[in-house]
N, C-alpha and C. Protein backbone atom coordinates (compact mmCIF):
# COMPACT_ATOMS: atom_id res chain seq x y z
N UNK A 1 3.97 59.19 -27.77
CA UNK A 1 5.34 58.89 -27.44
C UNK A 1 5.47 57.39 -27.16
N UNK A 2 6.49 56.77 -27.72
CA UNK A 2 6.72 55.35 -27.52
C UNK A 2 7.76 55.12 -26.44
N UNK A 3 7.49 54.19 -25.55
CA UNK A 3 8.45 53.80 -24.52
C UNK A 3 9.04 52.46 -24.93
N UNK A 4 10.17 52.50 -25.66
CA UNK A 4 10.75 51.27 -26.21
C UNK A 4 11.30 50.34 -25.14
N UNK A 5 11.52 50.83 -23.92
CA UNK A 5 11.99 49.95 -22.85
C UNK A 5 10.93 48.91 -22.49
N UNK A 6 9.69 49.17 -22.86
CA UNK A 6 8.60 48.24 -22.59
C UNK A 6 8.44 47.22 -23.72
N UNK A 7 9.29 47.30 -24.73
CA UNK A 7 9.21 46.41 -25.87
C UNK A 7 10.24 45.29 -25.80
N UNK A 8 10.80 45.07 -24.65
CA UNK A 8 11.84 44.06 -24.48
C UNK A 8 11.23 42.85 -23.78
N UNK A 9 11.53 41.71 -24.31
CA UNK A 9 11.09 40.47 -23.68
C UNK A 9 12.31 39.83 -23.04
N UNK A 10 12.23 39.56 -21.75
CA UNK A 10 13.36 38.98 -21.03
C UNK A 10 13.02 37.56 -20.60
N UNK A 11 14.01 36.69 -20.75
CA UNK A 11 13.84 35.29 -20.36
C UNK A 11 14.06 35.16 -18.84
N UNK A 12 13.34 34.27 -18.19
CA UNK A 12 13.50 34.10 -16.75
C UNK A 12 14.81 33.40 -16.37
N UNK A 13 15.42 32.71 -17.33
CA UNK A 13 16.66 31.97 -17.10
C UNK A 13 17.34 31.72 -18.44
N UNK A 14 18.49 31.09 -18.43
CA UNK A 14 19.15 30.74 -19.68
C UNK A 14 18.31 29.70 -20.42
N UNK A 15 18.20 29.86 -21.72
CA UNK A 15 17.41 28.92 -22.50
C UNK A 15 17.31 29.38 -23.94
N UNK A 16 16.28 28.85 -24.60
CA UNK A 16 16.08 29.19 -26.01
C UNK A 16 14.59 29.24 -26.31
N UNK A 17 14.25 29.83 -27.43
CA UNK A 17 12.86 29.94 -27.86
C UNK A 17 12.69 29.07 -29.11
N UNK A 18 12.18 27.85 -28.95
CA UNK A 18 12.02 26.97 -30.11
C UNK A 18 10.83 27.33 -30.99
N UNK A 19 9.87 28.07 -30.44
CA UNK A 19 8.68 28.43 -31.21
C UNK A 19 8.33 29.88 -30.90
N UNK A 20 8.42 30.74 -31.90
CA UNK A 20 8.14 32.17 -31.72
C UNK A 20 7.02 32.58 -32.66
N UNK A 21 5.92 33.05 -32.10
CA UNK A 21 4.82 33.54 -32.93
C UNK A 21 4.72 35.05 -32.88
N UNK A 22 5.53 35.68 -32.04
CA UNK A 22 5.54 37.14 -31.93
C UNK A 22 6.29 37.73 -33.12
N UNK A 23 5.69 38.70 -33.77
CA UNK A 23 6.27 39.34 -34.95
C UNK A 23 6.40 40.84 -34.72
N UNK A 24 7.32 41.51 -35.42
CA UNK A 24 7.44 42.96 -35.25
C UNK A 24 6.10 43.65 -35.51
N UNK A 25 5.76 44.57 -34.62
CA UNK A 25 4.52 45.31 -34.75
C UNK A 25 3.35 44.66 -34.03
N UNK A 26 3.51 43.44 -33.60
CA UNK A 26 2.43 42.73 -32.91
C UNK A 26 2.40 43.17 -31.44
N UNK A 27 1.22 43.25 -30.85
CA UNK A 27 1.08 43.67 -29.47
C UNK A 27 0.99 42.44 -28.57
N UNK A 28 1.81 42.40 -27.54
CA UNK A 28 1.74 41.37 -26.51
C UNK A 28 1.15 42.03 -25.27
N UNK A 29 0.14 41.43 -24.70
CA UNK A 29 -0.55 42.03 -23.57
C UNK A 29 -0.04 41.45 -22.26
N UNK A 30 -0.18 42.20 -21.14
CA UNK A 30 0.32 41.70 -19.85
C UNK A 30 -0.38 40.42 -19.40
N UNK A 31 -1.61 40.22 -19.80
CA UNK A 31 -2.35 39.02 -19.42
C UNK A 31 -2.66 38.24 -20.70
N UNK A 32 -1.69 37.50 -21.21
CA UNK A 32 -1.90 36.83 -22.50
C UNK A 32 -2.86 35.66 -22.38
N UNK A 33 -3.80 35.61 -23.29
CA UNK A 33 -4.71 34.48 -23.34
C UNK A 33 -4.16 33.39 -24.24
N UNK A 34 -3.19 33.75 -25.07
CA UNK A 34 -2.47 32.75 -25.85
C UNK A 34 -1.00 33.18 -25.86
N UNK A 35 -0.10 32.24 -25.66
CA UNK A 35 1.31 32.60 -25.56
C UNK A 35 1.87 33.10 -26.89
N UNK A 36 2.83 34.02 -26.82
CA UNK A 36 3.46 34.55 -28.02
C UNK A 36 4.74 33.78 -28.35
N UNK A 37 5.20 32.95 -27.41
CA UNK A 37 6.37 32.13 -27.67
C UNK A 37 6.46 31.01 -26.64
N UNK A 38 7.15 29.95 -27.04
CA UNK A 38 7.46 28.88 -26.11
C UNK A 38 8.91 29.06 -25.69
N UNK A 39 9.22 28.80 -24.42
CA UNK A 39 10.57 28.97 -23.91
C UNK A 39 11.03 27.67 -23.27
N UNK A 40 12.23 27.24 -23.62
CA UNK A 40 12.82 26.02 -23.05
C UNK A 40 14.10 26.40 -22.31
N UNK A 41 14.20 26.00 -21.05
CA UNK A 41 15.41 26.31 -20.28
C UNK A 41 16.55 25.44 -20.77
N UNK A 42 17.76 25.88 -20.48
CA UNK A 42 18.94 25.09 -20.84
C UNK A 42 19.09 23.87 -19.95
N UNK A 43 18.52 23.94 -18.75
CA UNK A 43 18.60 22.80 -17.84
C UNK A 43 17.70 21.68 -18.37
N UNK A 44 18.26 20.51 -18.53
CA UNK A 44 17.47 19.36 -18.98
C UNK A 44 17.17 18.49 -17.77
N UNK A 45 15.93 18.10 -17.64
CA UNK A 45 15.54 17.21 -16.56
C UNK A 45 14.41 16.32 -17.03
N UNK A 46 14.19 15.27 -16.31
CA UNK A 46 13.19 14.28 -16.66
C UNK A 46 12.04 14.39 -15.67
N UNK A 47 10.83 14.48 -16.20
CA UNK A 47 9.64 14.52 -15.35
C UNK A 47 8.75 13.35 -15.74
N UNK A 48 8.29 12.62 -14.74
CA UNK A 48 7.34 11.53 -14.96
C UNK A 48 6.18 11.71 -13.99
N UNK A 49 4.99 11.30 -14.41
CA UNK A 49 3.82 11.44 -13.55
C UNK A 49 3.37 10.08 -13.06
N UNK A 50 2.88 10.06 -11.83
CA UNK A 50 2.43 8.83 -11.18
C UNK A 50 1.08 9.07 -10.52
N UNK A 51 0.32 8.00 -10.32
CA UNK A 51 -0.94 8.10 -9.59
C UNK A 51 -0.69 8.65 -8.19
N UNK A 52 -1.68 9.32 -7.64
CA UNK A 52 -1.54 9.93 -6.32
C UNK A 52 -1.25 8.91 -5.23
N UNK A 53 -1.74 7.69 -5.37
CA UNK A 53 -1.58 6.71 -4.30
C UNK A 53 -0.14 6.27 -4.08
N UNK A 54 0.78 6.53 -5.03
CA UNK A 54 2.18 6.16 -4.82
C UNK A 54 3.02 7.35 -4.37
N UNK A 55 2.41 8.51 -4.23
CA UNK A 55 3.19 9.70 -3.87
C UNK A 55 3.84 9.57 -2.50
N UNK A 56 3.28 8.79 -1.61
CA UNK A 56 3.87 8.58 -0.29
C UNK A 56 4.94 7.51 -0.28
N UNK A 57 5.07 6.76 -1.36
CA UNK A 57 6.03 5.66 -1.43
C UNK A 57 7.31 6.10 -2.13
N UNK A 58 7.20 6.94 -3.16
CA UNK A 58 8.37 7.39 -3.92
C UNK A 58 9.05 8.51 -3.15
N UNK A 59 10.35 8.34 -2.90
CA UNK A 59 11.12 9.30 -2.11
C UNK A 59 12.37 9.73 -2.86
N UNK A 60 12.89 10.94 -2.56
CA UNK A 60 14.14 11.37 -3.18
C UNK A 60 15.27 10.38 -2.93
N UNK A 61 16.07 10.17 -3.96
CA UNK A 61 17.19 9.24 -3.86
C UNK A 61 16.90 7.84 -4.34
N UNK A 62 15.62 7.50 -4.53
CA UNK A 62 15.29 6.15 -5.01
C UNK A 62 15.80 5.96 -6.43
N UNK A 63 16.24 4.76 -6.72
CA UNK A 63 16.73 4.42 -8.05
C UNK A 63 15.55 4.08 -8.96
N UNK A 64 15.72 4.37 -10.23
CA UNK A 64 14.67 4.09 -11.22
C UNK A 64 15.34 3.84 -12.57
N UNK A 65 14.57 3.35 -13.52
CA UNK A 65 15.04 3.16 -14.88
C UNK A 65 13.98 3.68 -15.83
N UNK A 66 14.44 4.19 -16.98
CA UNK A 66 13.53 4.75 -17.97
C UNK A 66 13.91 4.23 -19.35
N UNK A 67 12.91 4.08 -20.19
CA UNK A 67 13.13 3.74 -21.59
C UNK A 67 12.28 4.69 -22.43
N UNK A 68 12.76 5.00 -23.63
CA UNK A 68 12.06 5.93 -24.51
C UNK A 68 11.69 5.25 -25.81
N UNK A 69 10.56 5.63 -26.37
CA UNK A 69 10.12 5.06 -27.65
C UNK A 69 11.13 5.33 -28.76
N UNK A 70 11.81 6.48 -28.68
CA UNK A 70 12.75 6.84 -29.73
C UNK A 70 14.09 6.12 -29.59
N UNK A 71 14.27 5.39 -28.50
CA UNK A 71 15.51 4.63 -28.27
C UNK A 71 15.16 3.19 -27.90
N UNK A 72 14.64 2.44 -28.87
CA UNK A 72 14.19 1.08 -28.57
C UNK A 72 15.32 0.19 -28.07
N UNK A 73 14.96 -0.69 -27.12
CA UNK A 73 15.90 -1.66 -26.60
C UNK A 73 16.85 -1.12 -25.54
N UNK A 74 16.78 0.16 -25.23
CA UNK A 74 17.71 0.76 -24.27
C UNK A 74 16.98 1.19 -23.01
N UNK A 75 17.60 0.96 -21.87
CA UNK A 75 17.10 1.45 -20.59
C UNK A 75 18.19 2.29 -19.94
N UNK A 76 17.78 3.29 -19.16
CA UNK A 76 18.72 4.22 -18.55
C UNK A 76 18.42 4.34 -17.06
N UNK A 77 19.49 4.36 -16.25
CA UNK A 77 19.35 4.52 -14.81
C UNK A 77 19.14 6.00 -14.48
N UNK A 78 18.16 6.28 -13.63
CA UNK A 78 17.87 7.62 -13.16
C UNK A 78 17.60 7.56 -11.66
N UNK A 79 17.56 8.74 -11.02
CA UNK A 79 17.33 8.81 -9.58
C UNK A 79 16.25 9.85 -9.30
N UNK A 80 15.36 9.54 -8.36
CA UNK A 80 14.31 10.49 -7.98
C UNK A 80 14.94 11.71 -7.32
N UNK A 81 14.66 12.92 -7.87
CA UNK A 81 15.13 14.16 -7.25
C UNK A 81 14.11 14.64 -6.23
N UNK A 82 12.86 14.85 -6.67
CA UNK A 82 11.81 15.29 -5.76
C UNK A 82 10.44 15.21 -6.43
N UNK A 83 9.43 15.28 -5.59
CA UNK A 83 8.05 15.33 -6.07
C UNK A 83 7.68 16.80 -6.28
N UNK A 84 6.93 17.09 -7.34
CA UNK A 84 6.40 18.43 -7.55
C UNK A 84 5.03 18.45 -6.87
N UNK A 85 4.88 19.24 -5.79
CA UNK A 85 3.66 19.15 -4.98
C UNK A 85 2.45 19.86 -5.58
N UNK A 86 2.04 19.42 -6.77
CA UNK A 86 0.84 19.99 -7.38
C UNK A 86 0.33 19.04 -8.45
N UNK A 87 -0.94 19.16 -8.73
CA UNK A 87 -1.53 18.39 -9.83
C UNK A 87 -2.36 19.35 -10.67
N UNK A 88 -2.64 18.97 -11.88
CA UNK A 88 -3.36 19.83 -12.82
C UNK A 88 -4.73 20.24 -12.27
N UNK A 89 -5.37 19.37 -11.54
CA UNK A 89 -6.71 19.68 -11.03
C UNK A 89 -6.70 20.84 -10.04
N UNK A 90 -5.53 21.23 -9.53
CA UNK A 90 -5.45 22.33 -8.58
C UNK A 90 -5.01 23.65 -9.19
N UNK A 91 -4.82 23.71 -10.50
CA UNK A 91 -4.35 24.93 -11.15
C UNK A 91 -5.51 25.89 -11.44
N UNK A 92 -5.18 27.17 -11.40
CA UNK A 92 -6.15 28.21 -11.72
C UNK A 92 -5.75 28.88 -13.03
N UNK A 93 -6.75 29.33 -13.79
CA UNK A 93 -6.43 30.10 -15.00
C UNK A 93 -6.25 31.56 -14.62
N UNK A 94 -5.98 32.40 -15.60
CA UNK A 94 -5.70 33.81 -15.34
C UNK A 94 -6.88 34.54 -14.70
N UNK A 95 -8.10 34.04 -14.90
CA UNK A 95 -9.28 34.68 -14.33
C UNK A 95 -9.59 34.16 -12.92
N UNK A 96 -8.76 33.22 -12.40
CA UNK A 96 -8.99 32.68 -11.07
C UNK A 96 -9.91 31.48 -11.03
N UNK A 97 -10.27 30.95 -12.18
CA UNK A 97 -11.14 29.77 -12.23
C UNK A 97 -10.30 28.51 -12.29
N UNK A 98 -10.81 27.43 -11.69
CA UNK A 98 -10.11 26.15 -11.78
C UNK A 98 -10.06 25.72 -13.23
N UNK A 99 -8.90 25.21 -13.65
CA UNK A 99 -8.77 24.71 -15.02
C UNK A 99 -9.64 23.47 -15.19
N UNK A 100 -10.14 23.31 -16.36
CA UNK A 100 -10.90 22.11 -16.66
C UNK A 100 -9.88 21.00 -16.91
N UNK A 101 -9.97 19.97 -16.09
CA UNK A 101 -9.00 18.89 -16.24
C UNK A 101 -9.38 18.01 -17.41
N UNK A 102 -8.38 17.50 -18.12
CA UNK A 102 -8.68 16.64 -19.26
C UNK A 102 -9.34 15.36 -18.79
N UNK A 103 -10.19 14.78 -19.61
CA UNK A 103 -10.89 13.56 -19.20
C UNK A 103 -9.97 12.35 -19.15
N UNK A 104 -8.76 12.48 -19.66
CA UNK A 104 -7.84 11.35 -19.74
C UNK A 104 -7.20 10.99 -18.42
N UNK A 105 -6.13 10.24 -18.51
CA UNK A 105 -5.48 9.65 -17.35
C UNK A 105 -4.59 10.60 -16.57
N UNK A 106 -4.26 11.78 -17.09
CA UNK A 106 -3.33 12.66 -16.41
C UNK A 106 -3.98 13.57 -15.38
N UNK A 107 -5.28 13.52 -15.25
CA UNK A 107 -5.95 14.50 -14.40
C UNK A 107 -5.55 14.38 -12.93
N UNK A 108 -5.21 13.21 -12.44
CA UNK A 108 -4.90 13.08 -11.02
C UNK A 108 -3.49 12.56 -10.79
N UNK A 109 -2.60 12.76 -11.73
CA UNK A 109 -1.24 12.29 -11.59
C UNK A 109 -0.35 13.37 -10.99
N UNK A 110 0.63 12.94 -10.19
CA UNK A 110 1.58 13.84 -9.55
C UNK A 110 2.92 13.75 -10.27
N UNK A 111 3.52 14.89 -10.66
CA UNK A 111 4.82 14.85 -11.33
C UNK A 111 5.99 14.67 -10.36
N UNK A 112 6.98 13.90 -10.80
CA UNK A 112 8.23 13.71 -10.07
C UNK A 112 9.36 14.10 -11.01
N UNK A 113 10.40 14.72 -10.47
CA UNK A 113 11.58 15.11 -11.23
C UNK A 113 12.68 14.08 -10.95
N UNK A 114 13.37 13.67 -12.01
CA UNK A 114 14.43 12.67 -11.90
C UNK A 114 15.75 13.26 -12.39
N UNK A 115 16.84 12.87 -11.73
CA UNK A 115 18.19 13.22 -12.17
C UNK A 115 18.71 12.08 -13.03
N UNK A 116 19.53 12.44 -14.02
CA UNK A 116 20.12 11.42 -14.88
C UNK A 116 21.58 11.77 -15.13
N UNK A 117 22.34 10.77 -15.51
CA UNK A 117 23.75 10.95 -15.82
C UNK A 117 23.88 11.75 -17.11
N UNK A 118 24.66 12.80 -17.10
CA UNK A 118 24.82 13.66 -18.28
C UNK A 118 25.39 12.90 -19.47
N UNK A 119 26.06 11.77 -19.22
CA UNK A 119 26.67 10.99 -20.30
C UNK A 119 25.64 10.22 -21.13
N UNK A 120 24.40 10.18 -20.69
CA UNK A 120 23.39 9.38 -21.39
C UNK A 120 22.94 10.00 -22.70
N UNK A 121 23.25 11.25 -22.94
CA UNK A 121 22.87 11.88 -24.20
C UNK A 121 21.41 12.28 -24.26
N UNK A 122 20.80 12.59 -23.12
CA UNK A 122 19.40 13.00 -23.12
C UNK A 122 19.21 14.33 -23.82
N UNK A 123 20.28 15.09 -24.00
CA UNK A 123 20.16 16.40 -24.66
C UNK A 123 19.64 16.26 -26.08
N UNK A 124 19.87 15.10 -26.71
CA UNK A 124 19.40 14.90 -28.08
C UNK A 124 17.92 14.53 -28.15
N UNK A 125 17.34 14.13 -27.03
CA UNK A 125 15.92 13.78 -27.02
C UNK A 125 15.08 15.04 -27.14
N UNK A 126 14.05 15.02 -27.97
CA UNK A 126 13.16 16.18 -28.04
C UNK A 126 12.43 16.39 -26.72
N UNK A 127 12.21 17.65 -26.35
CA UNK A 127 11.45 17.95 -25.14
C UNK A 127 10.06 17.36 -25.30
N UNK A 128 9.60 16.65 -24.30
CA UNK A 128 8.28 16.03 -24.35
C UNK A 128 8.31 14.61 -24.88
N UNK A 129 9.48 14.02 -25.02
CA UNK A 129 9.58 12.64 -25.51
C UNK A 129 8.82 11.69 -24.59
N UNK A 130 8.19 10.68 -25.20
CA UNK A 130 7.39 9.72 -24.45
C UNK A 130 8.26 8.55 -24.04
N UNK A 131 8.09 8.13 -22.81
CA UNK A 131 8.84 6.99 -22.31
C UNK A 131 8.07 6.26 -21.24
N UNK A 132 8.74 5.30 -20.64
CA UNK A 132 8.16 4.52 -19.54
C UNK A 132 9.22 4.46 -18.45
N UNK A 133 8.79 4.61 -17.20
CA UNK A 133 9.74 4.64 -16.09
C UNK A 133 9.28 3.69 -15.00
N UNK A 134 10.24 3.08 -14.33
CA UNK A 134 9.95 2.20 -13.19
C UNK A 134 10.82 2.66 -12.02
N UNK A 135 10.19 2.90 -10.86
CA UNK A 135 10.92 3.27 -9.65
C UNK A 135 11.02 2.03 -8.79
N UNK A 136 12.23 1.79 -8.26
CA UNK A 136 12.49 0.57 -7.48
C UNK A 136 12.54 0.88 -6.00
N UNK A 137 11.69 0.17 -5.25
CA UNK A 137 11.58 0.36 -3.81
C UNK A 137 12.25 -0.80 -3.09
N UNK A 138 12.84 -0.51 -1.93
CA UNK A 138 13.42 -1.57 -1.11
C UNK A 138 12.34 -2.37 -0.39
N UNK A 139 11.15 -1.81 -0.30
CA UNK A 139 10.06 -2.48 0.44
C UNK A 139 9.55 -3.71 -0.27
N UNK A 140 9.50 -3.69 -1.59
CA UNK A 140 8.94 -4.82 -2.34
C UNK A 140 9.94 -5.28 -3.40
N UNK A 141 11.02 -5.92 -2.96
CA UNK A 141 12.07 -6.36 -3.88
C UNK A 141 11.56 -7.27 -5.00
N UNK A 142 10.69 -8.26 -4.71
CA UNK A 142 10.22 -9.13 -5.80
C UNK A 142 9.48 -8.35 -6.90
N UNK A 143 8.72 -7.32 -6.51
CA UNK A 143 8.03 -6.51 -7.51
C UNK A 143 9.02 -5.68 -8.33
N UNK A 144 10.12 -5.27 -7.71
CA UNK A 144 11.13 -4.51 -8.44
C UNK A 144 11.75 -5.36 -9.54
N UNK A 145 11.96 -6.63 -9.26
CA UNK A 145 12.52 -7.53 -10.28
C UNK A 145 11.54 -7.68 -11.44
N UNK A 146 10.26 -7.83 -11.11
CA UNK A 146 9.23 -7.95 -12.16
C UNK A 146 9.17 -6.66 -12.97
N UNK A 147 9.25 -5.51 -12.29
CA UNK A 147 9.24 -4.23 -13.00
C UNK A 147 10.42 -4.11 -13.97
N UNK A 148 11.60 -4.57 -13.54
CA UNK A 148 12.78 -4.52 -14.42
C UNK A 148 12.55 -5.35 -15.67
N UNK A 149 11.97 -6.51 -15.50
CA UNK A 149 11.71 -7.38 -16.64
C UNK A 149 10.69 -6.75 -17.58
N UNK A 150 9.59 -6.23 -17.02
CA UNK A 150 8.54 -5.61 -17.83
C UNK A 150 9.09 -4.40 -18.58
N UNK A 151 9.91 -3.59 -17.90
CA UNK A 151 10.48 -2.40 -18.55
C UNK A 151 11.35 -2.79 -19.74
N UNK A 152 12.14 -3.85 -19.59
CA UNK A 152 12.99 -4.29 -20.70
C UNK A 152 12.17 -4.88 -21.85
N UNK A 153 11.10 -5.57 -21.51
CA UNK A 153 10.20 -6.08 -22.56
C UNK A 153 9.61 -4.90 -23.33
N UNK A 154 9.16 -3.87 -22.61
CA UNK A 154 8.59 -2.68 -23.27
C UNK A 154 9.63 -1.97 -24.12
N UNK A 155 10.88 -1.93 -23.63
CA UNK A 155 11.95 -1.29 -24.41
C UNK A 155 12.16 -2.01 -25.73
N UNK A 156 12.12 -3.33 -25.71
CA UNK A 156 12.30 -4.11 -26.94
C UNK A 156 11.06 -4.08 -27.82
N UNK A 157 9.88 -3.90 -27.21
CA UNK A 157 8.64 -3.75 -27.98
C UNK A 157 8.70 -2.53 -28.89
N UNK A 158 9.44 -1.51 -28.48
CA UNK A 158 9.56 -0.30 -29.28
C UNK A 158 10.19 -0.59 -30.64
N UNK A 159 10.99 -1.65 -30.74
CA UNK A 159 11.50 -2.06 -32.05
C UNK A 159 10.36 -2.58 -32.92
N UNK A 160 9.47 -3.35 -32.31
CA UNK A 160 8.38 -3.96 -33.07
C UNK A 160 7.39 -2.94 -33.59
N UNK A 161 7.14 -1.91 -32.81
CA UNK A 161 6.11 -0.94 -33.18
C UNK A 161 6.70 0.34 -33.74
N UNK A 162 7.99 0.31 -34.04
CA UNK A 162 8.65 1.49 -34.61
C UNK A 162 8.21 1.64 -36.08
N UNK A 163 7.61 2.78 -36.40
CA UNK A 163 7.18 3.04 -37.76
C UNK A 163 8.01 4.20 -38.28
N UNK A 164 8.90 3.94 -39.25
CA UNK A 164 9.81 4.99 -39.70
C UNK A 164 9.19 6.01 -40.66
N UNK A 165 7.89 6.01 -40.82
CA UNK A 165 7.26 6.95 -41.73
C UNK A 165 6.51 8.02 -40.94
N UNK A 166 6.61 9.27 -41.39
CA UNK A 166 5.86 10.35 -40.75
C UNK A 166 4.42 10.35 -41.21
N UNK A 167 3.62 11.14 -40.54
CA UNK A 167 2.22 11.27 -40.95
C UNK A 167 1.73 12.67 -40.76
């Protein structure tokens, strides 16, 4: 006997499925070792990661600016919403083992969520777009000015290194 009520996949919130690998007749298990679909929420937000040593300096409400490789020469004002109190090195896999952290630079970075003006058109940016962000502190005003200059130089550099061919 088949219990078709167990064949329904429900989303945790409003969103969409940009990548679906689940096909009719395929079995999805309660403890998936590989996902059957990717899910993207309708809420758009910006997440940037920073070294752990600045986690005590960045606070909600601080002003920041971001630039994206796909939008050369442009910078956008954003505001710190909150810090996400976790890092990849503290995650467990389904078996309860610590995840193996990548050898790269992200292993000890802390994510921060930023709010942005809805008029900026971030909805057109692909999820996972690469950018650069600078958070401005009142404690070190001269460094904030230098950061603004460096961020704008990097934004204009994106014109120089823009390669319009796929690979």
